[in-house]
């Protein structure tokens, strides 16, 4: 059953002065969880590319969608309003699967 609460973990992506991407993260339930946008930033690809790879991974039954995706409710400012949305986060196996397919298609 999807978790409806705020994630207790966080991830920070940043670029160092030498231009290298760094990741600072926390884990929840023994895995890391990233959105498609964060996976795209991690692998320096467009979100549409990551989405395409994830769709293929699930369609080809390489991974079980239900076992690798959780919905977390996030609250963020949109203009002057605070908006709560449920966002899909992908676990480490999905992140790695996307990374492998991105690397093999390069």
PDB file of N, CA and C in Angstrom:
ATOM      1  N   UNK A   1       0.844  -1.176   0.000  1.00  0.00           N
ATOM      2  CA  UNK A   1       0.000   0.000   0.000  1.00  0.00           C
ATOM      3  C   UNK A   1       0.888   1.236   0.000  1.00  0.00           C
ATOM      4  N   UNK A   2       0.629   2.225  -0.872  1.00  0.00           N
ATOM      5  CA  UNK A   2       1.478   3.404  -0.956  1.00  0.00           C
ATOM      6  C   UNK A   2       1.466   4.201   0.341  1.00  0.00           C
ATOM      7  N   UNK A   3       2.610   4.766   0.668  1.00  0.00           N
ATOM      8  CA  UNK A   3       2.765   5.577   1.865  1.00  0.00           C
ATOM      9  C   UNK A   3       2.291   6.989   1.550  1.00  0.00           C
ATOM     10  N   UNK A   4       1.347   7.513   2.317  1.00  0.00           N
ATOM     11  CA  UNK A   4       0.773   8.827   2.061  1.00  0.00           C
ATOM     12  C   UNK A   4       1.444   9.927   2.886  1.00  0.00           C
ATOM     13  N   UNK A   5       2.394   9.575   3.718  1.00  0.00           N
ATOM     14  CA  UNK A   5       2.996  10.569   4.590  1.00  0.00           C
ATOM     15  C   UNK A   5       4.210  11.221   3.939  1.00  0.00           C
ATOM     16  N   UNK A   6       4.643  12.312   4.517  1.00  0.00           N
ATOM     17  CA  UNK A   6       5.821  13.033   4.049  1.00  0.00           C
ATOM     18  C   UNK A   6       7.051  12.137   4.173  1.00  0.00           C
ATOM     19  N   UNK A   7       7.913  12.094   3.143  1.00  0.00           N
ATOM     20  CA  UNK A   7       9.101  11.249   3.258  1.00  0.00           C
ATOM     21  C   UNK A   7      10.008  11.723   4.383  1.00  0.00           C
ATOM     22  N   UNK A   8      10.584  10.762   5.097  1.00  0.00           N
ATOM     23  CA  UNK A   8      11.480  11.098   6.193  1.00  0.00           C
ATOM     24  C   UNK A   8      12.913  11.234   5.703  1.00  0.00           C
ATOM     25  N   UNK A   9      13.117  10.993   4.433  1.00  0.00           N
ATOM     26  CA  UNK A   9      14.449  11.093   3.870  1.00  0.00           C
ATOM     27  C   UNK A   9      14.505  12.289   2.941  1.00  0.00           C
ATOM     28  N   UNK A  10      15.699  12.673   2.587  1.00  0.00           N
ATOM     29  CA  UNK A  10      15.845  13.774   1.645  1.00  0.00           C
ATOM     30  C   UNK A  10      17.066  13.528   0.789  1.00  0.00           C
ATOM     31  N   UNK A  11      17.108  14.228  -0.314  1.00  0.00           N
ATOM     32  CA  UNK A  11      18.276  14.142  -1.185  1.00  0.00           C
ATOM     33  C   UNK A  11      18.593  15.548  -1.668  1.00  0.00           C
ATOM     34  N   UNK A  12      19.852  15.839  -1.725  1.00  0.00           N
ATOM     35  CA  UNK A  12      20.301  17.139  -2.208  1.00  0.00           C
ATOM     36  C   UNK A  12      21.289  16.890  -3.331  1.00  0.00           C
ATOM     37  N   UNK A  13      20.992  17.423  -4.510  1.00  0.00           N
ATOM     38  CA  UNK A  13      21.908  17.351  -5.639  1.00  0.00           C
ATOM     39  C   UNK A  13      22.540  18.725  -5.794  1.00  0.00           C
ATOM     40  N   UNK A  14      23.830  18.757  -5.987  1.00  0.00           N
ATOM     41  CA  UNK A  14      24.488  20.035  -6.210  1.00  0.00           C
ATOM     42  C   UNK A  14      25.716  19.827  -7.064  1.00  0.00           C
ATOM     43  N   UNK A  15      26.201  20.926  -7.643  1.00  0.00           N
ATOM     44  CA  UNK A  15      27.371  20.856  -8.496  1.00  0.00           C
ATOM     45  C   UNK A  15      28.521  21.568  -7.798  1.00  0.00           C
ATOM     46  N   UNK A  16      29.683  20.916  -7.783  1.00  0.00           N
ATOM     47  CA  UNK A  16      30.855  21.490  -7.145  1.00  0.00           C
ATOM     48  C   UNK A  16      31.485  22.527  -8.073  1.00  0.00           C
ATOM     49  N   UNK A  17      32.450  23.259  -7.558  1.00  0.00           N
ATOM     50  CA  UNK A  17      33.102  24.298  -8.353  1.00  0.00           C
ATOM     51  C   UNK A  17      33.782  23.731  -9.593  1.00  0.00           C
ATOM     52  N   UNK A  18      34.208  22.463  -9.538  1.00  0.00           N
ATOM     53  CA  UNK A  18      34.848  21.857 -10.708  1.00  0.00           C
ATOM     54  C   UNK A  18      33.825  21.276 -11.699  1.00  0.00           C
ATOM     55  N   UNK A  19      32.516  21.525 -11.456  1.00  0.00           N
ATOM     56  CA  UNK A  19      31.477  21.109 -12.389  1.00  0.00           C
ATOM     57  C   UNK A  19      30.955  19.697 -12.197  1.00  0.00           C
ATOM     58  N   UNK A  20      31.442  18.984 -11.196  1.00  0.00           N
ATOM     59  CA  UNK A  20      30.985  17.615 -10.966  1.00  0.00           C
ATOM     60  C   UNK A  20      29.718  17.611 -10.126  1.00  0.00           C
ATOM     61  N   UNK A  21      28.800  16.716 -10.480  1.00  0.00           N
ATOM     62  CA  UNK A  21      27.550  16.595  -9.740  1.00  0.00           C
ATOM     63  C   UNK A  21      27.777  15.751  -8.498  1.00  0.00           C
ATOM     64  N   UNK A  22      27.261  16.217  -7.385  1.00  0.00           N
ATOM     65  CA  UNK A  22      27.369  15.498  -6.113  1.00  0.00           C
ATOM     66  C   UNK A  22      25.968  15.256  -5.569  1.00  0.00           C
ATOM     67  N   UNK A  23      25.838  14.203  -4.809  1.00  0.00           N
ATOM     68  CA  UNK A  23      24.554  13.853  -4.223  1.00  0.00           C
ATOM     69  C   UNK A  23      24.735  13.655  -2.728  1.00  0.00           C
ATOM     70  N   UNK A  24      23.873  14.276  -1.971  1.00  0.00           N
ATOM     71  CA  UNK A  24      23.815  14.043  -0.531  1.00  0.00           C
ATOM     72  C   UNK A  24      22.422  13.491  -0.275  1.00  0.00           C
ATOM     73  N   UNK A  25      22.322  12.336   0.360  1.00  0.00           N
ATOM     74  CA  UNK A  25      21.001  11.736   0.509  1.00  0.00           C
ATOM     75  C   UNK A  25      20.848  11.046   1.851  1.00  0.00           C
ATOM     76  N   UNK A  26      19.598  10.764   2.148  1.00  0.00           N
ATOM     77  CA  UNK A  26      19.234   9.953   3.300  1.00  0.00           C
ATOM     78  C   UNK A  26      18.400   8.789   2.799  1.00  0.00           C
ATOM     79  N   UNK A  27      18.391   7.726   3.550  1.00  0.00           N
ATOM     80  CA  UNK A  27      17.677   6.527   3.147  1.00  0.00           C
ATOM     81  C   UNK A  27      16.420   6.356   3.984  1.00  0.00           C
ATOM     82  N   UNK A  28      15.428   5.677   3.419  1.00  0.00           N
ATOM     83  CA  UNK A  28      14.203   5.337   4.127  1.00  0.00           C
ATOM     84  C   UNK A  28      13.907   3.870   3.845  1.00  0.00           C
ATOM     85  N   UNK A  29      13.716   3.092   4.877  1.00  0.00           N
ATOM     86  CA  UNK A  29      13.448   1.653   4.736  1.00  0.00           C
ATOM     87  C   UNK A  29      14.507   0.958   3.888  1.00  0.00           C
ATOM     88  N   UNK A  30      15.763   1.236   4.174  1.00  0.00           N
ATOM     89  CA  UNK A  30      16.905   0.574   3.553  1.00  0.00           C
ATOM     90  C   UNK A  30      17.061   0.830   2.054  1.00  0.00           C
ATOM     91  N   UNK A  31      16.460   1.869   1.534  1.00  0.00           N
ATOM     92  CA  UNK A  31      16.681   2.227   0.131  1.00  0.00           C
ATOM     93  C   UNK A  31      16.574   3.734  -0.033  1.00  0.00           C
ATOM     94  N   UNK A  32      17.028   4.198  -1.177  1.00  0.00           N
ATOM     95  CA  UNK A  32      16.921   5.606  -1.518  1.00  0.00           C
ATOM     96  C   UNK A  32      15.729   5.752  -2.460  1.00  0.00           C
ATOM     97  N   UNK A  33      15.044   6.858  -2.391  1.00  0.00           N
ATOM     98  CA  UNK A  33      13.878   7.113  -3.225  1.00  0.00           C
ATOM     99  C   UNK A  33      14.089   8.426  -3.962  1.00  0.00           C
ATOM    100  N   UNK A  34      13.941   8.409  -5.298  1.00  0.00           N
ATOM    101  CA  UNK A  34      14.088   9.603  -6.118  1.00  0.00           C
ATOM    102  C   UNK A  34      12.898   9.742  -7.063  1.00  0.00           C
ATOM    103  N   UNK A  35      12.554  10.975  -7.386  1.00  0.00           N
ATOM    104  CA  UNK A  35      11.549  11.231  -8.417  1.00  0.00           C
ATOM    105  C   UNK A  35      12.208  11.089  -9.784  1.00  0.00           C
ATOM    106  N   UNK A  36      11.390  11.045 -10.827  1.00  0.00           N
ATOM    107  CA  UNK A  36      11.953  11.004 -12.179  1.00  0.00           C
ATOM    108  C   UNK A  36      12.815  12.236 -12.437  1.00  0.00           C
ATOM    109  N   UNK A  37      12.407  13.385 -11.921  1.00  0.00           N
ATOM    110  CA  UNK A  37      13.193  14.614 -12.122  1.00  0.00           C
ATOM    111  C   UNK A  37      14.574  14.487 -11.488  1.00  0.00           C
ATOM    112  N   UNK A  38      14.650  13.904 -10.294  1.00  0.00           N
ATOM    113  CA  UNK A  38      15.947  13.731  -9.633  1.00  0.00           C
ATOM    114  C   UNK A  38      16.798  12.674 -10.332  1.00  0.00           C
ATOM    115  N   UNK A  39      16.153  11.613 -10.840  1.00  0.00           N
ATOM    116  CA  UNK A  39      16.900  10.600 -11.605  1.00  0.00           C
ATOM    117  C   UNK A  39      17.468  11.246 -12.863  1.00  0.00           C
ATOM    118  N   UNK A  40      16.669  12.076 -13.526  1.00  0.00           N
ATOM    119  CA  UNK A  40      17.128  12.778 -14.729  1.00  0.00           C
ATOM    120  C   UNK A  40      18.312  13.674 -14.413  1.00  0.00           C
ATOM    121  N   UNK A  41      18.249  14.376 -13.300  1.00  0.00           N
ATOM    122  CA  UNK A  41      19.359  15.239 -12.905  1.00  0.00           C
ATOM    123  C   UNK A  41      20.599  14.409 -12.565  1.00  0.00           C
ATOM    124  N   UNK A  42      20.400  13.302 -11.896  1.00  0.00           N
ATOM    125  CA  UNK A  42      21.508  12.424 -11.529  1.00  0.00           C
ATOM    126  C   UNK A  42      22.265  11.933 -12.757  1.00  0.00           C
ATOM    127  N   UNK A  43      21.522  11.503 -13.780  1.00  0.00           N
ATOM    128  CA  UNK A  43      22.150  10.951 -14.981  1.00  0.00           C
ATOM    129  C   UNK A  43      22.311  11.984 -16.095  1.00  0.00           C
ATOM    130  N   UNK A  44      21.964  13.235 -15.788  1.00  0.00           N
ATOM    131  CA  UNK A  44      22.086  14.353 -16.726  1.00  0.00           C
ATOM    132  C   UNK A  44      21.371  14.066 -18.038  1.00  0.00           C
ATOM    133  N   UNK A  45      20.116  13.655 -17.911  1.00  0.00           N
ATOM    134  CA  UNK A  45      19.247  13.363 -19.048  1.00  0.00           C
ATOM    135  C   UNK A  45      17.935  14.103 -18.867  1.00  0.00           C
ATOM    136  N   UNK A  46      17.144  14.188 -19.924  1.00  0.00           N
ATOM    137  CA  UNK A  46      15.828  14.800 -19.878  1.00  0.00           C
ATOM    138  C   UNK A  46      14.868  13.876 -19.119  1.00  0.00           C
ATOM    139  N   UNK A  47      13.904  14.448 -18.426  1.00  0.00           N
ATOM    140  CA  UNK A  47      12.920  13.659 -17.678  1.00  0.00           C
ATOM    141  C   UNK A  47      12.170  12.714 -18.619  1.00  0.00           C
ATOM    142  N   UNK A  48      11.887  13.166 -19.847  1.00  0.00           N
ATOM    143  CA  UNK A  48      11.175  12.308 -20.803  1.00  0.00           C
ATOM    144  C   UNK A  48      11.986  11.060 -21.137  1.00  0.00           C
ATOM    145  N   UNK A  49      13.302  11.195 -21.187  1.00  0.00           N
ATOM    146  CA  UNK A  49      14.171  10.052 -21.463  1.00  0.00           C
ATOM    147  C   UNK A  49      14.099   9.050 -20.312  1.00  0.00           C
ATOM    148  N   UNK A  50      14.174   9.556 -19.092  1.00  0.00           N
ATOM    149  CA  UNK A  50      14.087   8.678 -17.906  1.00  0.00           C
ATOM    150  C   UNK A  50      12.739   7.991 -17.872  1.00  0.00           C
ATOM    151  N   UNK A  51      11.671   8.730 -18.140  1.00  0.00           N
ATOM    152  CA  UNK A  51      10.334   8.142 -18.152  1.00  0.00           C
ATOM    153  C   UNK A  51      10.250   7.015 -19.174  1.00  0.00           C
ATOM    154  N   UNK A  52      10.781   7.245 -20.359  1.00  0.00           N
ATOM    155  CA  UNK A  52      10.762   6.217 -21.402  1.00  0.00           C
ATOM    156  C   UNK A  52      11.486   4.951 -20.950  1.00  0.00           C
ATOM    157  N   UNK A  53      12.647   5.108 -20.331  1.00  0.00           N
ATOM    158  CA  UNK A  53      13.400   3.942 -19.859  1.00  0.00           C
ATOM    159  C   UNK A  53      12.647   3.215 -18.752  1.00  0.00           C
ATOM    160  N   UNK A  54      12.061   3.943 -17.829  1.00  0.00           N
ATOM    161  CA  UNK A  54      11.308   3.302 -16.743  1.00  0.00           C
ATOM    162  C   UNK A  54      10.090   2.564 -17.286  1.00  0.00           C
ATOM    163  N   UNK A  55       9.375   3.175 -18.226  1.00  0.00           N
ATOM    164  CA  UNK A  55       8.211   2.508 -18.826  1.00  0.00           C
ATOM    165  C   UNK A  55       8.648   1.196 -19.459  1.00  0.00           C
ATOM    166  N   UNK A  56       9.754   1.211 -20.198  1.00  0.00           N
ATOM    167  CA  UNK A  56      10.251  -0.015 -20.835  1.00  0.00           C
ATOM    168  C   UNK A  56      10.645  -1.073 -19.811  1.00  0.00           C
ATOM    169  N   UNK A  57      11.298  -0.652 -18.741  1.00  0.00           N
ATOM    170  CA  UNK A  57      11.707  -1.588 -17.688  1.00  0.00           C
ATOM    171  C   UNK A  57      10.487  -2.300 -17.102  1.00  0.00           C
ATOM    172  N   UNK A  58       9.417  -1.552 -16.839  1.00  0.00           N
ATOM    173  CA  UNK A  58       8.216  -2.146 -16.253  1.00  0.00           C
ATOM    174  C   UNK A  58       7.452  -2.979 -17.277  1.00  0.00           C
ATOM    175  N   UNK A  59       7.364  -2.516 -18.533  1.00  0.00           N
ATOM    176  CA  UNK A  59       6.656  -3.273 -19.574  1.00  0.00           C
ATOM    177  C   UNK A  59       7.340  -4.609 -19.865  1.00  0.00           C
ATOM    178  N   UNK A  60       8.665  -4.633 -19.781  1.00  0.00           N
ATOM    179  CA  UNK A  60       9.416  -5.862 -20.055  1.00  0.00           C
ATOM    180  C   UNK A  60       9.567  -6.727 -18.804  1.00  0.00           C
ATOM    181  N   UNK A  61       8.906  -6.333 -17.721  1.00  0.00           N
ATOM    182  CA  UNK A  61       8.895  -7.066 -16.445  1.00  0.00           C
ATOM    183  C   UNK A  61      10.285  -7.266 -15.857  1.00  0.00           C
ATOM    184  N   UNK A  62      11.184  -6.338 -16.153  1.00  0.00           N
ATOM    185  CA  UNK A  62      12.505  -6.393 -15.518  1.00  0.00           C
ATOM    186  C   UNK A  62      12.386  -6.069 -14.031  1.00  0.00           C
ATOM    187  N   UNK A  63      11.448  -5.200 -13.705  1.00  0.00           N
ATOM    188  CA  UNK A  63      11.159  -4.852 -12.316  1.00  0.00           C
ATOM    189  C   UNK A  63       9.656  -4.808 -12.121  1.00  0.00           C
ATOM    190  N   UNK A  64       9.236  -5.034 -10.891  1.00  0.00           N
ATOM    191  CA  UNK A  64       7.830  -4.951 -10.529  1.00  0.00           C
ATOM    192  C   UNK A  64       7.514  -3.515 -10.143  1.00  0.00           C
ATOM    193  N   UNK A  65       6.609  -2.906 -10.873  1.00  0.00           N
ATOM    194  CA  UNK A  65       6.239  -1.500 -10.648  1.00  0.00           C
ATOM    195  C   UNK A  65       5.811  -1.260  -9.194  1.00  0.00           C
ATOM    196  N   UNK A  66       4.944  -2.118  -8.679  1.00  0.00           N
ATOM    197  CA  UNK A  66       4.413  -1.929  -7.328  1.00  0.00           C
ATOM    198  C   UNK A  66       5.491  -2.026  -6.258  1.00  0.00           C
ATOM    199  N   UNK A  67       6.525  -2.805  -6.529  1.00  0.00           N
ATOM    200  CA  UNK A  67       7.588  -2.995  -5.540  1.00  0.00           C
ATOM    201  C   UNK A  67       8.643  -1.893  -5.580  1.00  0.00           C
ATOM    202  N   UNK A  68       8.654  -1.085  -6.629  1.00  0.00           N
ATOM    203  CA  UNK A  68       9.732  -0.098  -6.777  1.00  0.00           C
ATOM    204  C   UNK A  68       9.244   1.346  -6.801  1.00  0.00           C
ATOM    205  N   UNK A  69       7.936   1.564  -6.662  1.00  0.00           N
ATOM    206  CA  UNK A  69       7.392   2.926  -6.661  1.00  0.00           C
ATOM    207  C   UNK A  69       6.580   3.149  -5.396  1.00  0.00           C
ATOM    208  N   UNK A  70       6.794   4.310  -4.774  1.00  0.00           N
ATOM    209  CA  UNK A  70       5.980   4.735  -3.632  1.00  0.00           C
ATOM    210  C   UNK A  70       5.519   6.156  -3.876  1.00  0.00           C
ATOM    211  N   UNK A  71       4.331   6.457  -3.442  1.00  0.00           N
ATOM    212  CA  UNK A  71       3.838   7.830  -3.540  1.00  0.00           C
ATOM    213  C   UNK A  71       4.022   8.500  -2.186  1.00  0.00           C
ATOM    214  N   UNK A  72       4.661   9.661  -2.233  1.00  0.00           N
ATOM    215  CA  UNK A  72       4.823  10.483  -1.044  1.00  0.00           C
ATOM    216  C   UNK A  72       4.093  11.794  -1.268  1.00  0.00           C
ATOM    217  N   UNK A  73       3.459  12.274  -0.239  1.00  0.00           N
ATOM    218  CA  UNK A  73       2.817  13.594  -0.316  1.00  0.00           C
ATOM    219  C   UNK A  73       3.894  14.633  -0.012  1.00  0.00           C
ATOM    220  N   UNK A  74       4.049  15.574  -0.950  1.00  0.00           N
ATOM    221  CA  UNK A  74       4.994  16.656  -0.724  1.00  0.00           C
ATOM    222  C   UNK A  74       4.229  17.973  -0.690  1.00  0.00           C
ATOM    223  N   UNK A  75       4.746  18.903   0.051  1.00  0.00           N
ATOM    224  CA  UNK A  75       4.161  20.239   0.139  1.00  0.00           C
ATOM    225  C   UNK A  75       5.216  21.211  -0.346  1.00  0.00           C
ATOM    226  N   UNK A  76       4.813  22.052  -1.299  1.00  0.00           N
ATOM    227  CA  UNK A  76       5.760  23.037  -1.814  1.00  0.00           C
ATOM    228  C   UNK A  76       5.021  24.315  -2.151  1.00  0.00           C
ATOM    229  N   UNK A  77       5.793  25.386  -2.258  1.00  0.00           N
ATOM    230  CA  UNK A  77       5.233  26.679  -2.637  1.00  0.00           C
ATOM    231  C   UNK A  77       5.109  26.754  -4.148  1.00  0.00           C
ATOM    232  N   UNK A  78       3.938  27.136  -4.611  1.00  0.00           N
ATOM    233  CA  UNK A  78       3.707  27.423  -6.025  1.00  0.00           C
ATOM    234  C   UNK A  78       3.171  28.847  -6.060  1.00  0.00           C
ATOM    235  N   UNK A  79       4.067  29.773  -6.384  1.00  0.00           N
ATOM    236  CA  UNK A  79       3.715  31.185  -6.262  1.00  0.00           C
ATOM    237  C   UNK A  79       3.642  31.531  -4.788  1.00  0.00           C
ATOM    238  N   UNK A  80       2.479  31.959  -4.345  1.00  0.00           N
ATOM    239  CA  UNK A  80       2.310  32.302  -2.930  1.00  0.00           C
ATOM    240  C   UNK A  80       1.518  31.248  -2.172  1.00  0.00           C
ATOM    241  N   UNK A  81       1.103  30.164  -2.874  1.00  0.00           N
ATOM    242  CA  UNK A  81       0.287  29.123  -2.241  1.00  0.00           C
ATOM    243  C   UNK A  81       1.123  27.913  -1.873  1.00  0.00           C
ATOM    244  N   UNK A  82       0.773  27.302  -0.763  1.00  0.00           N
ATOM    245  CA  UNK A  82       1.340  26.003  -0.407  1.00  0.00           C
ATOM    246  C   UNK A  82       0.444  24.940  -1.015  1.00  0.00           C
ATOM    247  N   UNK A  83       1.036  24.054  -1.813  1.00  0.00           N
ATOM    248  CA  UNK A  83       0.263  23.024  -2.503  1.00  0.00           C
ATOM    249  C   UNK A  83       0.799  21.655  -2.104  1.00  0.00           C
ATOM    250  N   UNK A  84      -0.117  20.758  -1.739  1.00  0.00           N
ATOM    251  CA  UNK A  84       0.262  19.383  -1.407  1.00  0.00           C
ATOM    252  C   UNK A  84      -0.071  18.504  -2.603  1.00  0.00           C
ATOM    253  N   UNK A  85       0.898  17.689  -3.004  1.00  0.00           N
ATOM    254  CA  UNK A  85       0.708  16.782  -4.132  1.00  0.00           C
ATOM    255  C   UNK A  85       1.317  15.428  -3.783  1.00  0.00           C
ATOM    256  N   UNK A  86       0.741  14.375  -4.356  1.00  0.00           N
ATOM    257  CA  UNK A  86       1.350  13.055  -4.252  1.00  0.00           C
ATOM    258  C   UNK A  86       2.278  12.885  -5.442  1.00  0.00           C
ATOM    259  N   UNK A  87       3.526  12.545  -5.150  1.00  0.00           N
ATOM    260  CA  UNK A  87       4.547  12.408  -6.185  1.00  0.00           C
ATOM    261  C   UNK A  87       5.107  10.997  -6.122  1.00  0.00           C
ATOM    262  N   UNK A  88       5.310  10.394  -7.303  1.00  0.00           N
ATOM    263  CA  UNK A  88       5.891   9.056  -7.356  1.00  0.00           C
ATOM    264  C   UNK A  88       7.404   9.132  -7.151  1.00  0.00           C
ATOM    265  N   UNK A  89       7.884   8.290  -6.259  1.00  0.00           N
ATOM    266  CA  UNK A  89       9.316   8.145  -6.010  1.00  0.00           C
ATOM    267  C   UNK A  89       9.707   6.719  -6.392  1.00  0.00           C
ATOM    268  N   UNK A  90      10.908   6.567  -6.933  1.00  0.00           N
ATOM    269  CA  UNK A  90      11.402   5.281  -7.411  1.00  0.00           C
ATOM    270  C   UNK A  90      12.537   4.809  -6.519  1.00  0.00           C
ATOM    271  N   UNK A  91      12.532   3.516  -6.191  1.00  0.00           N
ATOM    272  CA  UNK A  91      13.546   2.948  -5.290  1.00  0.00           C
ATOM    273  C   UNK A  91      14.845   2.686  -6.045  1.00  0.00           C
ATOM    274  N   UNK A  92      15.866   2.309  -5.302  1.00  0.00           N
ATOM    275  CA  UNK A  92      17.191   2.091  -5.866  1.00  0.00           C
ATOM    276  C   UNK A  92      17.210   1.130  -7.051  1.00  0.00           C
ATOM    277  N   UNK A  93      16.509  -0.012  -7.016  1.00  0.00           N
ATOM    278  CA  UNK A  93      16.534  -0.879  -8.198  1.00  0.00           C
ATOM    279  C   UNK A  93      16.045  -0.176  -9.475  1.00  0.00           C
ATOM    280  N   UNK A  94      15.004   0.655  -9.364  1.00  0.00           N
ATOM    281  CA  UNK A  94      14.501   1.386 -10.531  1.00  0.00           C
ATOM    282  C   UNK A  94      15.498   2.455 -10.972  1.00  0.00           C
ATOM    283  N   UNK A  95      16.116   3.124 -10.002  1.00  0.00           N
ATOM    284  CA  UNK A  95      17.123   4.139 -10.315  1.00  0.00           C
ATOM    285  C   UNK A  95      18.281   3.502 -11.076  1.00  0.00           C
ATOM    286  N   UNK A  96      18.756   2.373 -10.571  1.00  0.00           N
ATOM    287  CA  UNK A  96      19.868   1.679 -11.231  1.00  0.00           C
ATOM    288  C   UNK A  96      19.455   1.144 -12.601  1.00  0.00           C
ATOM    289  N   UNK A  97      18.229   0.627 -12.702  1.00  0.00           N
ATOM    290  CA  UNK A  97      17.750   0.130 -13.989  1.00  0.00           C
ATOM    291  C   UNK A  97      17.711   1.243 -15.026  1.00  0.00           C
ATOM    292  N   UNK A  98      17.218   2.411 -14.617  1.00  0.00           N
ATOM    293  CA  UNK A  98      17.206   3.553 -15.535  1.00  0.00           C
ATOM    294  C   UNK A  98      18.626   3.944 -15.910  1.00  0.00           C
ATOM    295  N   UNK A  99      19.520   3.929 -14.951  1.00  0.00           N
ATOM    296  CA  UNK A  99      20.914   4.286 -15.226  1.00  0.00           C
ATOM    297  C   UNK A  99      21.587   3.341 -16.201  1.00  0.00           C
ATOM    298  N   UNK A 100      21.309   2.055 -16.058  1.00  0.00           N
ATOM    299  CA  UNK A 100      21.902   1.066 -16.964  1.00  0.00           C
ATOM    300  C   UNK A 100      21.377   1.267 -18.374  1.00  0.00           C
ATOM    301  N   UNK A 101      20.068   1.467 -18.521  1.00  0.00           N
ATOM    302  CA  UNK A 101      19.517   1.651 -19.861  1.00  0.00           C
ATOM    303  C   UNK A 101      19.963   2.966 -20.476  1.00  0.00           C
ATOM    304  N   UNK A 102      20.111   4.007 -19.673  1.00  0.00           N
ATOM    305  CA  UNK A 102      20.618   5.292 -20.180  1.00  0.00           C
ATOM    306  C   UNK A 102      22.045   5.105 -20.685  1.00  0.00           C
ATOM    307  N   UNK A 103      22.861   4.410 -19.913  1.00  0.00           N
ATOM    308  CA  UNK A 103      24.278   4.205 -20.301  1.00  0.00           C
ATOM    309  C   UNK A 103      24.382   3.334 -21.548  1.00  0.00           C
ATOM    310  N   UNK A 104      23.525   2.321 -21.663  1.00  0.00           N
ATOM    311  CA  UNK A 104      23.619   1.419 -22.808  1.00  0.00           C
ATOM    312  C   UNK A 104      23.094   2.060 -24.083  1.00  0.00           C
ATOM    313  N   UNK A 105      22.244   3.086 -23.943  1.00  0.00           N
ATOM    314  CA  UNK A 105      21.718   3.737 -25.144  1.00  0.00           C
ATOM    315  C   UNK A 105      22.563   4.925 -25.579  1.00  0.00           C
ATOM    316  N   UNK A 106      23.586   5.245 -24.800  1.00  0.00           N
ATOM    317  CA  UNK A 106      24.441   6.400 -25.139  1.00  0.00           C
ATOM    318  C   UNK A 106      25.422   6.081 -26.217  1.00  0.00           C
TER     319      UNK A 106
END
